[in-house]
Amino acid sequence: GFGSGVQIPVRDRFQNFFGNGNRVDVIGNHSFVSVDTPSLS
């Protein structure tokens, strides 16, 4: 969903299967910063 339409149980289900949407991964000596912008909005 987007913004105020995001349901916490729906987000929890997604993260349980795919991982946290907010994370930092170092790949190829670069810092990849992933941000859950639908929730942040």
Full PDB file with SEQRES, HELIX, SHEET, SSBOND, CRYST1, ORIGX, SCALE, CONECT and MASTER records, all heavy atoms in Angstrom:
SEQRES   1 A   41  GLY PHE GLY SER GLY VAL GLN ILE PRO VAL ARG ASP ARG          
SEQRES   2 A   41  PHE GLN ASN PHE PHE GLY ASN GLY ASN ARG VAL ASP VAL          
SEQRES   3 A   41  ILE GLY ASN HIS SER PHE VAL SER VAL ASP THR PRO SER          
SEQRES   4 A   41  LEU SER                                                      
HELIX    1 AA1 GLY A    3  GLY A    5  5                                   3    
HELIX    2 AA2 ILE A    8  PHE A   18  1                                  11    
HELIX    3 AA3 THR A   37  LEU A   40  1                                   4    
SHEET    1 AA1 2 ARG A  23  ILE A  27  0                                        
SHEET    2 AA1 2 HIS A  30  SER A  34 -1                                        
CRYST1    1.000    1.000    1.000  90.00  90.00  90.00 P 1           1          
ORIGX1      1.000000  0.000000  0.000000        0.00000                         
ORIGX2      0.000000  1.000000  0.000000        0.00000                         
ORIGX3      0.000000  0.000000  1.000000        0.00000                         
SCALE1      1.000000  0.000000  0.000000        0.00000                         
SCALE2      0.000000  1.000000  0.000000        0.00000                         
SCALE3      0.000000  0.000000  1.000000        0.00000                         
ATOM      1  N   GLY A   1       0.853  -1.179   0.000  1.00  0.00           N  
ATOM      2  CA  GLY A   1       0.000   0.000   0.000  1.00  0.00           C  
ATOM      3  C   GLY A   1       0.890   1.231   0.000  1.00  0.00           C  
ATOM      4  O   GLY A   1       2.120   1.145  -0.121  1.00  0.00           O  
ATOM      5  N   PHE A   2       0.291   2.397   0.133  1.00  0.00           N  
ATOM      6  CA  PHE A   2       1.086   3.625   0.102  1.00  0.00           C  
ATOM      7  C   PHE A   2       0.606   4.585   1.179  1.00  0.00           C  
ATOM      8  O   PHE A   2      -0.595   4.827   1.339  1.00  0.00           O  
ATOM      9  CB  PHE A   2       0.999   4.313  -1.264  1.00  0.00           C  
ATOM     10  CG  PHE A   2       1.934   5.464  -1.417  1.00  0.00           C  
ATOM     11  CD1 PHE A   2       3.254   5.265  -1.770  1.00  0.00           C  
ATOM     12  CD2 PHE A   2       1.507   6.774  -1.187  1.00  0.00           C  
ATOM     13  CE1 PHE A   2       4.131   6.329  -1.907  1.00  0.00           C  
ATOM     14  CE2 PHE A   2       2.369   7.839  -1.318  1.00  0.00           C  
ATOM     15  CZ  PHE A   2       3.693   7.621  -1.677  1.00  0.00           C  
ATOM     16  N   GLY A   3       1.583   5.141   1.914  1.00  0.00           N  
ATOM     17  CA  GLY A   3       1.274   6.167   2.896  1.00  0.00           C  
ATOM     18  C   GLY A   3       0.344   5.648   3.977  1.00  0.00           C  
ATOM     19  O   GLY A   3       0.561   4.596   4.598  1.00  0.00           O  
ATOM     20  N   SER A   4      -0.723   6.378   4.213  1.00  0.00           N  
ATOM     21  CA  SER A   4      -1.674   6.002   5.256  1.00  0.00           C  
ATOM     22  C   SER A   4      -2.446   4.739   4.915  1.00  0.00           C  
ATOM     23  O   SER A   4      -3.135   4.186   5.773  1.00  0.00           O  
ATOM     24  CB  SER A   4      -2.649   7.159   5.490  1.00  0.00           C  
ATOM     25  OG  SER A   4      -3.336   7.479   4.277  1.00  0.00           O  
ATOM     26  N   GLY A   5      -2.340   4.254   3.669  1.00  0.00           N  
ATOM     27  CA  GLY A   5      -3.011   3.010   3.285  1.00  0.00           C  
ATOM     28  C   GLY A   5      -2.239   1.757   3.643  1.00  0.00           C  
ATOM     29  O   GLY A   5      -2.745   0.647   3.439  1.00  0.00           O  
ATOM     30  N   VAL A   6      -1.025   1.883   4.167  1.00  0.00           N  
ATOM     31  CA  VAL A   6      -0.224   0.718   4.544  1.00  0.00           C  
ATOM     32  C   VAL A   6      -0.816   0.096   5.804  1.00  0.00           C  
ATOM     33  O   VAL A   6      -1.072   0.789   6.802  1.00  0.00           O  
ATOM     34  CB  VAL A   6       1.245   1.113   4.779  1.00  0.00           C  
ATOM     35  CG1 VAL A   6       2.041  -0.075   5.310  1.00  0.00           C  
ATOM     36  CG2 VAL A   6       1.866   1.628   3.483  1.00  0.00           C  
ATOM     37  N   GLN A   7      -1.029  -1.220   5.773  1.00  0.00           N  
ATOM     38  CA  GLN A   7      -1.491  -1.953   6.944  1.00  0.00           C  
ATOM     39  C   GLN A   7      -0.295  -2.671   7.582  1.00  0.00           C  
ATOM     40  O   GLN A   7       0.460  -3.361   6.878  1.00  0.00           O  
ATOM     41  CB  GLN A   7      -2.562  -2.976   6.569  1.00  0.00           C  
ATOM     42  CG  GLN A   7      -3.809  -2.355   5.958  1.00  0.00           C  
ATOM     43  CD  GLN A   7      -4.889  -3.390   5.702  1.00  0.00           C  
ATOM     44  OE1 GLN A   7      -5.496  -3.922   6.632  1.00  0.00           O  
ATOM     45  NE2 GLN A   7      -5.126  -3.681   4.441  1.00  0.00           N  
ATOM     46  N   ILE A   8      -0.139  -2.513   8.859  1.00  0.00           N  
ATOM     47  CA  ILE A   8       0.999  -3.096   9.559  1.00  0.00           C  
ATOM     48  C   ILE A   8       1.047  -4.613   9.406  1.00  0.00           C  
ATOM     49  O   ILE A   8       2.117  -5.173   9.146  1.00  0.00           O  
ATOM     50  CB  ILE A   8       0.992  -2.683  11.044  1.00  0.00           C  
ATOM     51  CG1 ILE A   8       1.028  -1.152  11.173  1.00  0.00           C  
ATOM     52  CG2 ILE A   8       2.176  -3.302  11.780  1.00  0.00           C  
ATOM     53  CD1 ILE A   8       2.232  -0.508  10.540  1.00  0.00           C  
ATOM     54  N   PRO A   9      -0.069  -5.365   9.537  1.00  0.00           N  
ATOM     55  CA  PRO A   9       0.006  -6.818   9.329  1.00  0.00           C  
ATOM     56  C   PRO A   9       0.464  -7.198   7.920  1.00  0.00           C  
ATOM     57  O   PRO A   9       1.183  -8.185   7.742  1.00  0.00           O  
ATOM     58  CB  PRO A   9      -1.416  -7.291   9.608  1.00  0.00           C  
ATOM     59  CG  PRO A   9      -2.003  -6.255  10.501  1.00  0.00           C  
ATOM     60  CD  PRO A   9      -1.400  -4.962  10.030  1.00  0.00           C  
ATOM     61  N   VAL A  10       0.046  -6.427   6.935  1.00  0.00           N  
ATOM     62  CA  VAL A  10       0.480  -6.704   5.561  1.00  0.00           C  
ATOM     63  C   VAL A  10       1.981  -6.482   5.431  1.00  0.00           C  
ATOM     64  O   VAL A  10       2.699  -7.277   4.802  1.00  0.00           O  
ATOM     65  CB  VAL A  10      -0.303  -5.817   4.573  1.00  0.00           C  
ATOM     66  CG1 VAL A  10       0.267  -5.956   3.164  1.00  0.00           C  
ATOM     67  CG2 VAL A  10      -1.781  -6.182   4.586  1.00  0.00           C  
ATOM     68  N   ARG A  11       2.482  -5.406   6.014  1.00  0.00           N  
ATOM     69  CA  ARG A  11       3.924  -5.145   5.970  1.00  0.00           C  
ATOM     70  C   ARG A  11       4.701  -6.206   6.743  1.00  0.00           C  
ATOM     71  O   ARG A  11       5.770  -6.654   6.289  1.00  0.00           O  
ATOM     72  CB  ARG A  11       4.222  -3.754   6.530  1.00  0.00           C  
ATOM     73  CG  ARG A  11       5.687  -3.350   6.394  1.00  0.00           C  
ATOM     74  CD  ARG A  11       5.910  -1.921   6.839  1.00  0.00           C  
ATOM     75  NE  ARG A  11       5.729  -1.758   8.286  1.00  0.00           N  
ATOM     76  CZ  ARG A  11       5.778  -0.579   8.907  1.00  0.00           C  
ATOM     77  NH1 ARG A  11       5.986   0.526   8.219  1.00  0.00           N  
ATOM     78  NH2 ARG A  11       5.604  -0.501  10.219  1.00  0.00           N  
ATOM     79  N   ASP A  12       4.196  -6.614   7.888  1.00  0.00           N  
ATOM     80  CA  ASP A  12       4.882  -7.654   8.659  1.00  0.00           C  
ATOM     81  C   ASP A  12       4.962  -8.961   7.879  1.00  0.00           C  
ATOM     82  O   ASP A  12       5.981  -9.653   7.911  1.00  0.00           O  
ATOM     83  CB  ASP A  12       4.154  -7.884   9.987  1.00  0.00           C  
ATOM     84  CG  ASP A  12       4.281  -6.689  10.924  1.00  0.00           C  
ATOM     85  OD1 ASP A  12       5.190  -5.861  10.697  1.00  0.00           O  
ATOM     86  OD2 ASP A  12       3.458  -6.573  11.859  1.00  0.00           O  
ATOM     87  N   ARG A  13       3.894  -9.305   7.172  1.00  0.00           N  
ATOM     88  CA  ARG A  13       3.908 -10.530   6.364  1.00  0.00           C  
ATOM     89  C   ARG A  13       4.967 -10.449   5.270  1.00  0.00           C  
ATOM     90  O   ARG A  13       5.721 -11.405   5.043  1.00  0.00           O  
ATOM     91  CB  ARG A  13       2.525 -10.760   5.744  1.00  0.00           C  
ATOM     92  CG  ARG A  13       2.438 -11.979   4.847  1.00  0.00           C  
ATOM     93  CD  ARG A  13       1.034 -12.143   4.289  1.00  0.00           C  
ATOM     94  NE  ARG A  13       0.603 -10.985   3.516  1.00  0.00           N  
ATOM     95  CZ  ARG A  13      -0.641 -10.817   3.057  1.00  0.00           C  
ATOM     96  NH1 ARG A  13      -1.574 -11.709   3.334  1.00  0.00           N  
ATOM     97  NH2 ARG A  13      -0.951  -9.742   2.351  1.00  0.00           N  
ATOM     98  N   PHE A  14       5.041  -9.314   4.607  1.00  0.00           N  
ATOM     99  CA  PHE A  14       6.035  -9.149   3.550  1.00  0.00           C  
ATOM    100  C   PHE A  14       7.454  -9.261   4.113  1.00  0.00           C  
ATOM    101  O   PHE A  14       8.315  -9.937   3.546  1.00  0.00           O  
ATOM    102  CB  PHE A  14       5.834  -7.796   2.864  1.00  0.00           C  
ATOM    103  CG  PHE A  14       6.754  -7.554   1.695  1.00  0.00           C  
ATOM    104  CD1 PHE A  14       6.413  -7.966   0.425  1.00  0.00           C  
ATOM    105  CD2 PHE A  14       7.967  -6.903   1.872  1.00  0.00           C  
ATOM    106  CE1 PHE A  14       7.259  -7.752  -0.653  1.00  0.00           C  
ATOM    107  CE2 PHE A  14       8.819  -6.669   0.815  1.00  0.00           C  
ATOM    108  CZ  PHE A  14       8.467  -7.098  -0.458  1.00  0.00           C  
ATOM    109  N   GLN A  15       7.722  -8.603   5.239  1.00  0.00           N  
ATOM    110  CA  GLN A  15       9.062  -8.630   5.813  1.00  0.00           C  
ATOM    111  C   GLN A  15       9.415  -9.995   6.371  1.00  0.00           C  
ATOM    112  O   GLN A  15      10.603 -10.382   6.377  1.00  0.00           O  
ATOM    113  CB  GLN A  15       9.176  -7.564   6.900  1.00  0.00           C  
ATOM    114  CG  GLN A  15       9.112  -6.131   6.374  1.00  0.00           C  
ATOM    115  CD  GLN A  15       9.307  -5.099   7.458  1.00  0.00           C  
ATOM    116  OE1 GLN A  15       9.380  -5.415   8.641  1.00  0.00           O  
ATOM    117  NE2 GLN A  15       9.398  -3.832   7.054  1.00  0.00           N  
ATOM    118  N   ASN A  16       8.441 -10.765   6.836  1.00  0.00           N  
ATOM    119  CA  ASN A  16       8.728 -12.105   7.337  1.00  0.00           C  
ATOM    120  C   ASN A  16       9.251 -13.017   6.240  1.00  0.00           C  
ATOM    121  O   ASN A  16      10.045 -13.934   6.505  1.00  0.00           O  
ATOM    122  CB  ASN A  16       7.476 -12.718   7.964  1.00  0.00           C  
ATOM    123  CG  ASN A  16       7.115 -12.081   9.294  1.00  0.00           C  
ATOM    124  OD1 ASN A  16       7.972 -11.482   9.954  1.00  0.00           O  
ATOM    125  ND2 ASN A  16       5.852 -12.185   9.678  1.00  0.00           N  
ATOM    126  N   PHE A  17       8.830 -12.786   5.011  1.00  0.00           N  
ATOM    127  CA  PHE A  17       9.245 -13.641   3.904  1.00  0.00           C  
ATOM    128  C   PHE A  17      10.429 -13.070   3.130  1.00  0.00           C  
ATOM    129  O   PHE A  17      11.224 -13.842   2.582  1.00  0.00           O  
ATOM    130  CB  PHE A  17       8.070 -13.867   2.946  1.00  0.00           C  
ATOM    131  CG  PHE A  17       7.081 -14.886   3.426  1.00  0.00           C  
ATOM    132  CD1 PHE A  17       6.078 -14.541   4.318  1.00  0.00           C  
ATOM    133  CD2 PHE A  17       7.145 -16.194   2.983  1.00  0.00           C  
ATOM    134  CE1 PHE A  17       5.167 -15.471   4.764  1.00  0.00           C  
ATOM    135  CE2 PHE A  17       6.242 -17.142   3.421  1.00  0.00           C  
ATOM    136  CZ  PHE A  17       5.242 -16.783   4.320  1.00  0.00           C  
ATOM    137  N   PHE A  18      10.548 -11.749   3.041  1.00  0.00           N  
ATOM    138  CA  PHE A  18      11.581 -11.145   2.200  1.00  0.00           C  
ATOM    139  C   PHE A  18      12.645 -10.394   2.992  1.00  0.00           C  
ATOM    140  O   PHE A  18      13.687 -10.061   2.424  1.00  0.00           O  
ATOM    141  CB  PHE A  18      10.951 -10.182   1.189  1.00  0.00           C  
ATOM    142  CG  PHE A  18      10.154 -10.866   0.121  1.00  0.00           C  
ATOM    143  CD1 PHE A  18       8.774 -10.936   0.206  1.00  0.00           C  
ATOM    144  CD2 PHE A  18      10.778 -11.446  -0.969  1.00  0.00           C  
ATOM    145  CE1 PHE A  18       8.026 -11.566  -0.767  1.00  0.00           C  
ATOM    146  CE2 PHE A  18      10.047 -12.077  -1.955  1.00  0.00           C  
ATOM    147  CZ  PHE A  18       8.664 -12.149  -1.853  1.00  0.00           C  
ATOM    148  N   GLY A  19      12.430 -10.113   4.248  1.00  0.00           N  
ATOM    149  CA  GLY A  19      13.400  -9.364   5.032  1.00  0.00           C  
ATOM    150  C   GLY A  19      12.975  -7.918   5.222  1.00  0.00           C  
ATOM    151  O   GLY A  19      11.997  -7.439   4.624  1.00  0.00           O  
ATOM    152  N   ASN A  20      13.744  -7.219   6.059  1.00  0.00           N  
ATOM    153  CA  ASN A  20      13.438  -5.819   6.380  1.00  0.00           C  
ATOM    154  C   ASN A  20      13.662  -4.937   5.163  1.00  0.00           C  
ATOM    155  O   ASN A  20      14.685  -5.032   4.472  1.00  0.00           O  
ATOM    156  CB  ASN A  20      14.319  -5.359   7.547  1.00  0.00           C  
ATOM    157  CG  ASN A  20      13.764  -4.114   8.209  1.00  0.00           C  
ATOM    158  OD1 ASN A  20      13.182  -3.254   7.564  1.00  0.00           O  
ATOM    159  ND2 ASN A  20      13.960  -4.008   9.517  1.00  0.00           N  
ATOM    160  N   GLY A  21      12.702  -4.065   4.913  1.00  0.00           N  
ATOM    161  CA  GLY A  21      12.829  -3.162   3.770  1.00  0.00           C  
ATOM    162  C   GLY A  21      13.773  -2.013   3.996  1.00  0.00           C  
ATOM    163  O   GLY A  21      14.110  -1.301   3.036  1.00  0.00           O  
ATOM    164  N   ASN A  22      14.233  -1.807   5.215  1.00  0.00           N  
ATOM    165  CA  ASN A  22      15.199  -0.753   5.534  1.00  0.00           C  
ATOM    166  C   ASN A  22      16.504  -1.430   5.942  1.00  0.00           C  
ATOM    167  O   ASN A  22      16.577  -2.062   7.003  1.00  0.00           O  
ATOM    168  CB  ASN A  22      14.677   0.127   6.673  1.00  0.00           C  
ATOM    169  CG  ASN A  22      13.313   0.717   6.364  1.00  0.00           C  
ATOM    170  OD1 ASN A  22      13.172   1.615   5.548  1.00  0.00           O  
ATOM    171  ND2 ASN A  22      12.285   0.185   7.027  1.00  0.00           N  
ATOM    172  N   ARG A  23      17.529  -1.294   5.119  1.00  0.00           N  
ATOM    173  CA  ARG A  23      18.766  -2.011   5.370  1.00  0.00           C  
ATOM    174  C   ARG A  23      19.913  -1.354   4.626  1.00  0.00           C  
ATOM    175  O   ARG A  23      19.715  -0.561   3.692  1.00  0.00           O  
ATOM    176  CB  ARG A  23      18.639  -3.471   4.940  1.00  0.00           C  
ATOM    177  CG  ARG A  23      18.236  -3.626   3.479  1.00  0.00           C  
ATOM    178  CD  ARG A  23      17.924  -5.070   3.140  1.00  0.00           C  
ATOM    179  NE  ARG A  23      19.130  -5.900   3.199  1.00  0.00           N  
ATOM    180  CZ  ARG A  23      19.094  -7.231   3.202  1.00  0.00           C  
ATOM    181  NH1 ARG A  23      17.924  -7.868   3.173  1.00  0.00           N  
ATOM    182  NH2 ARG A  23      20.212  -7.923   3.231  1.00  0.00           N  
ATOM    183  N   VAL A  24      21.137  -1.729   5.016  1.00  0.00           N  
ATOM    184  CA  VAL A  24      22.356  -1.282   4.346  1.00  0.00           C  
ATOM    185  C   VAL A  24      23.150  -2.525   3.967  1.00  0.00           C  
ATOM    186  O   VAL A  24      23.403  -3.396   4.809  1.00  0.00           O  
ATOM    187  CB  VAL A  24      23.200  -0.362   5.246  1.00  0.00           C  
ATOM    188  CG1 VAL A  24      24.499   0.016   4.538  1.00  0.00           C  
ATOM    189  CG2 VAL A  24      22.422   0.897   5.609  1.00  0.00           C  
ATOM    190  N   ASP A  25      23.529  -2.618   2.703  1.00  0.00           N  
ATOM    191  CA  ASP A  25      24.344  -3.722   2.195  1.00  0.00           C  
ATOM    192  C   ASP A  25      25.550  -3.144   1.476  1.00  0.00           C  
ATOM    193  O   ASP A  25      25.399  -2.249   0.623  1.00  0.00           O  
ATOM    194  CB  ASP A  25      23.533  -4.585   1.227  1.00  0.00           C  
ATOM    195  CG  ASP A  25      22.327  -5.230   1.878  1.00  0.00           C  
ATOM    196  OD1 ASP A  25      22.495  -6.282   2.520  1.00  0.00           O  
ATOM    197  OD2 ASP A  25      21.208  -4.672   1.749  1.00  0.00           O  
ATOM    198  N   VAL A  26      26.716  -3.640   1.804  1.00  0.00           N  
ATOM    199  CA  VAL A  26      27.934  -3.240   1.102  1.00  0.00           C  
ATOM    200  C   VAL A  26      28.147  -4.218  -0.041  1.00  0.00           C  
ATOM    201  O   VAL A  26      28.389  -5.410   0.175  1.00  0.00           O  
ATOM    202  CB  VAL A  26      29.139  -3.214   2.046  1.00  0.00           C  
ATOM    203  CG1 VAL A  26      30.408  -2.868   1.262  1.00  0.00           C  
ATOM    204  CG2 VAL A  26      28.921  -2.205   3.166  1.00  0.00           C  
ATOM    205  N   ILE A  27      28.044  -3.726  -1.260  1.00  0.00           N  
ATOM    206  CA  ILE A  27      28.163  -4.543  -2.467  1.00  0.00           C  
ATOM    207  C   ILE A  27      29.169  -3.880  -3.389  1.00  0.00           C  
ATOM    208  O   ILE A  27      28.989  -2.711  -3.771  1.00  0.00           O  
ATOM    209  CB  ILE A  27      26.804  -4.683  -3.177  1.00  0.00           C  
ATOM    210  CG1 ILE A  27      25.774  -5.332  -2.236  1.00  0.00           C  
ATOM    211  CG2 ILE A  27      26.928  -5.490  -4.455  1.00  0.00           C  
ATOM    212  CD1 ILE A  27      24.384  -5.388  -2.823  1.00  0.00           C  
ATOM    213  N   GLY A  28      30.188  -4.599  -3.743  1.00  0.00           N  
ATOM    214  CA  GLY A  28      31.194  -4.033  -4.636  1.00  0.00           C  
ATOM    215  C   GLY A  28      31.836  -2.784  -4.083  1.00  0.00           C  
ATOM    216  O   GLY A  28      32.114  -1.847  -4.845  1.00  0.00           O  
ATOM    217  N   ASN A  29      32.079  -2.749  -2.780  1.00  0.00           N  
ATOM    218  CA  ASN A  29      32.669  -1.585  -2.099  1.00  0.00           C  
ATOM    219  C   ASN A  29      31.818  -0.329  -2.269  1.00  0.00           C  
ATOM    220  O   ASN A  29      32.331   0.785  -2.345  1.00  0.00           O  
ATOM    221  CB  ASN A  29      34.099  -1.333  -2.593  1.00  0.00           C  
ATOM    222  CG  ASN A  29      35.041  -2.465  -2.232  1.00  0.00           C  
ATOM    223  OD1 ASN A  29      34.803  -3.189  -1.264  1.00  0.00           O  
ATOM    224  ND2 ASN A  29      36.105  -2.613  -3.007  1.00  0.00           N  
ATOM    225  N   HIS A  30      30.509  -0.519  -2.332  1.00  0.00           N  
ATOM    226  CA  HIS A  30      29.541   0.572  -2.339  1.00  0.00           C  
ATOM    227  C   HIS A  30      28.490   0.263  -1.273  1.00  0.00           C  
ATOM    228  O   HIS A  30      28.116  -0.904  -1.090  1.00  0.00           O  
ATOM    229  CB  HIS A  30      28.855   0.732  -3.700  1.00  0.00           C  
ATOM    230  CG  HIS A  30      29.758   1.244  -4.778  1.00  0.00           C  
ATOM    231  ND1 HIS A  30      30.758   0.485  -5.343  1.00  0.00           N  
ATOM    232  CD2 HIS A  30      29.797   2.455  -5.414  1.00  0.00           C  
ATOM    233  CE1 HIS A  30      31.378   1.191  -6.273  1.00  0.00           C  
ATOM    234  NE2 HIS A  30      30.813   2.398  -6.333  1.00  0.00           N  
ATOM    235  N   SER A  31      28.027   1.295  -0.591  1.00  0.00           N  
ATOM    236  CA  SER A  31      27.006   1.129   0.447  1.00  0.00           C  
ATOM    237  C   SER A  31      25.624   1.336  -0.168  1.00  0.00           C  
ATOM    238  O   SER A  31      25.256   2.457  -0.546  1.00  0.00           O  
ATOM    239  CB  SER A  31      27.232   2.130   1.587  1.00  0.00           C  
ATOM    240  OG  SER A  31      28.448   1.861   2.254  1.00  0.00           O  
ATOM    241  N   PHE A  32      24.844   0.247  -0.286  1.00  0.00           N  
ATOM    242  CA  PHE A  32      23.488   0.299  -0.820  1.00  0.00           C  
ATOM    243  C   PHE A  32      22.520   0.501   0.330  1.00  0.00           C  
ATOM    244  O   PHE A  32      22.396  -0.362   1.215  1.00  0.00           O  
ATOM    245  CB  PHE A  32      23.162  -0.985  -1.580  1.00  0.00           C  
ATOM    246  CG  PHE A  32      23.785  -1.074  -2.941  1.00  0.00           C  
ATOM    247  CD1 PHE A  32      25.144  -1.341  -3.088  1.00  0.00           C  
ATOM    248  CD2 PHE A  32      23.023  -0.871  -4.079  1.00  0.00           C  
ATOM    249  CE1 PHE A  32      25.721  -1.423  -4.337  1.00  0.00           C  
ATOM    250  CE2 PHE A  32      23.591  -0.950  -5.337  1.00  0.00           C  
ATOM    251  CZ  PHE A  32      24.954  -1.222  -5.472  1.00  0.00           C  
ATOM    252  N   VAL A  33      21.804   1.623   0.313  1.00  0.00           N  
ATOM    253  CA  VAL A  33      20.864   1.980   1.376  1.00  0.00           C  
ATOM    254  C   VAL A  33      19.451   1.803   0.829  1.00  0.00           C  
ATOM    255  O   VAL A  33      19.025   2.528  -0.084  1.00  0.00           O  
ATOM    256  CB  VAL A  33      21.081   3.420   1.863  1.00  0.00           C  
ATOM    257  CG1 VAL A  33      20.088   3.758   2.971  1.00  0.00           C  
ATOM    258  CG2 VAL A  33      22.516   3.615   2.337  1.00  0.00           C  
ATOM    259  N   SER A  34      18.710   0.828   1.367  1.00  0.00           N  
ATOM    260  CA  SER A  34      17.327   0.582   0.958  1.00  0.00           C  
ATOM    261  C   SER A  34      16.389   1.235   1.963  1.00  0.00           C  
ATOM    262  O   SER A  34      16.555   1.061   3.178  1.00  0.00           O  
ATOM    263  CB  SER A  34      17.046  -0.921   0.890  1.00  0.00           C  
ATOM    264  OG  SER A  34      17.919  -1.569  -0.020  1.00  0.00           O  
ATOM    265  N   VAL A  35      15.393   1.970   1.468  1.00  0.00           N  
ATOM    266  CA  VAL A  35      14.447   2.687   2.322  1.00  0.00           C  
ATOM    267  C   VAL A  35      13.025   2.328   1.904  1.00  0.00           C  
ATOM    268  O   VAL A  35      12.680   2.375   0.711  1.00  0.00           O  
ATOM    269  CB  VAL A  35      14.656   4.214   2.241  1.00  0.00           C  
ATOM    270  CG1 VAL A  35      13.667   4.935   3.155  1.00  0.00           C  
ATOM    271  CG2 VAL A  35      16.085   4.586   2.608  1.00  0.00           C  
ATOM    272  N   ASP A  36      12.206   1.970   2.884  1.00  0.00           N  
ATOM    273  CA  ASP A  36      10.794   1.666   2.661  1.00  0.00           C  
ATOM    274  C   ASP A  36      10.037   2.984   2.490  1.00  0.00           C  
ATOM    275  O   ASP A  36       9.387   3.489   3.417  1.00  0.00           O  
ATOM    276  CB  ASP A  36      10.262   0.856   3.852  1.00  0.00           C  
ATOM    277  CG  ASP A  36       8.775   0.548   3.732  1.00  0.00           C  
ATOM    278  OD1 ASP A  36       8.199   0.810   2.662  1.00  0.00           O  
ATOM    279  OD2 ASP A  36       8.202   0.062   4.728  1.00  0.00           O  
ATOM    280  N   THR A  37      10.095   3.547   1.296  1.00  0.00           N  
ATOM    281  CA  THR A  37       9.460   4.848   1.053  1.00  0.00           C  
ATOM    282  C   THR A  37       7.935   4.793   1.017  1.00  0.00           C  
ATOM    283  O   THR A  37       7.301   5.810   1.348  1.00  0.00           O  
ATOM    284  CB  THR A  37       9.998   5.465  -0.251  1.00  0.00           C  
ATOM    285  OG1 THR A  37       9.934   4.485  -1.304  1.00  0.00           O  
ATOM    286  CG2 THR A  37      11.433   5.909  -0.082  1.00  0.00           C  
ATOM    287  N   PRO A  38       7.268   3.681   0.626  1.00  0.00           N  
ATOM    288  CA  PRO A  38       5.802   3.687   0.754  1.00  0.00           C  
ATOM    289  C   PRO A  38       5.334   3.896   2.189  1.00  0.00           C  
ATOM    290  O   PRO A  38       4.351   4.615   2.421  1.00  0.00           O  
ATOM    291  CB  PRO A  38       5.408   2.295   0.226  1.00  0.00           C  
ATOM    292  CG  PRO A  38       6.480   1.952  -0.743  1.00  0.00           C  
ATOM    293  CD  PRO A  38       7.733   2.497  -0.131  1.00  0.00           C  
ATOM    294  N   SER A  39       6.034   3.303   3.169  1.00  0.00           N  
ATOM    295  CA  SER A  39       5.654   3.516   4.566  1.00  0.00           C  
ATOM    296  C   SER A  39       6.076   4.890   5.053  1.00  0.00           C  
ATOM    297  O   SER A  39       5.332   5.566   5.787  1.00  0.00           O  
ATOM    298  CB  SER A  39       6.281   2.435   5.450  1.00  0.00           C  
ATOM    299  OG  SER A  39       5.822   1.152   5.104  1.00  0.00           O  
ATOM    300  N   LEU A  40       7.273   5.338   4.643  1.00  0.00           N  
ATOM    301  CA  LEU A  40       7.768   6.635   5.081  1.00  0.00           C  
ATOM    302  C   LEU A  40       6.875   7.768   4.587  1.00  0.00           C  
ATOM    303  O   LEU A  40       6.763   8.822   5.232  1.00  0.00           O  
ATOM    304  CB  LEU A  40       9.198   6.836   4.596  1.00  0.00           C  
ATOM    305  CG  LEU A  40       9.921   8.100   5.062  1.00  0.00           C  
ATOM    306  CD1 LEU A  40      10.084   8.103   6.575  1.00  0.00           C  
ATOM    307  CD2 LEU A  40      11.281   8.221   4.374  1.00  0.00           C  
ATOM    308  N   SER A  41       6.200   7.570   3.460  1.00  0.00           N  
ATOM    309  CA  SER A  41       5.363   8.629   2.891  1.00  0.00           C  
ATOM    310  C   SER A  41       4.145   8.933   3.739  1.00  0.00           C  
ATOM    311  O   SER A  41       3.460   9.934   3.488  1.00  0.00           O  
ATOM    312  CB  SER A  41       4.920   8.241   1.472  1.00  0.00           C  
ATOM    313  OG  SER A  41       6.036   8.148   0.607  1.00  0.00           O  
TER     314      SER A  41                                                      
MASTER        0    0    0    3    2    0    0    6  313    1    0    4          
END                                                                             
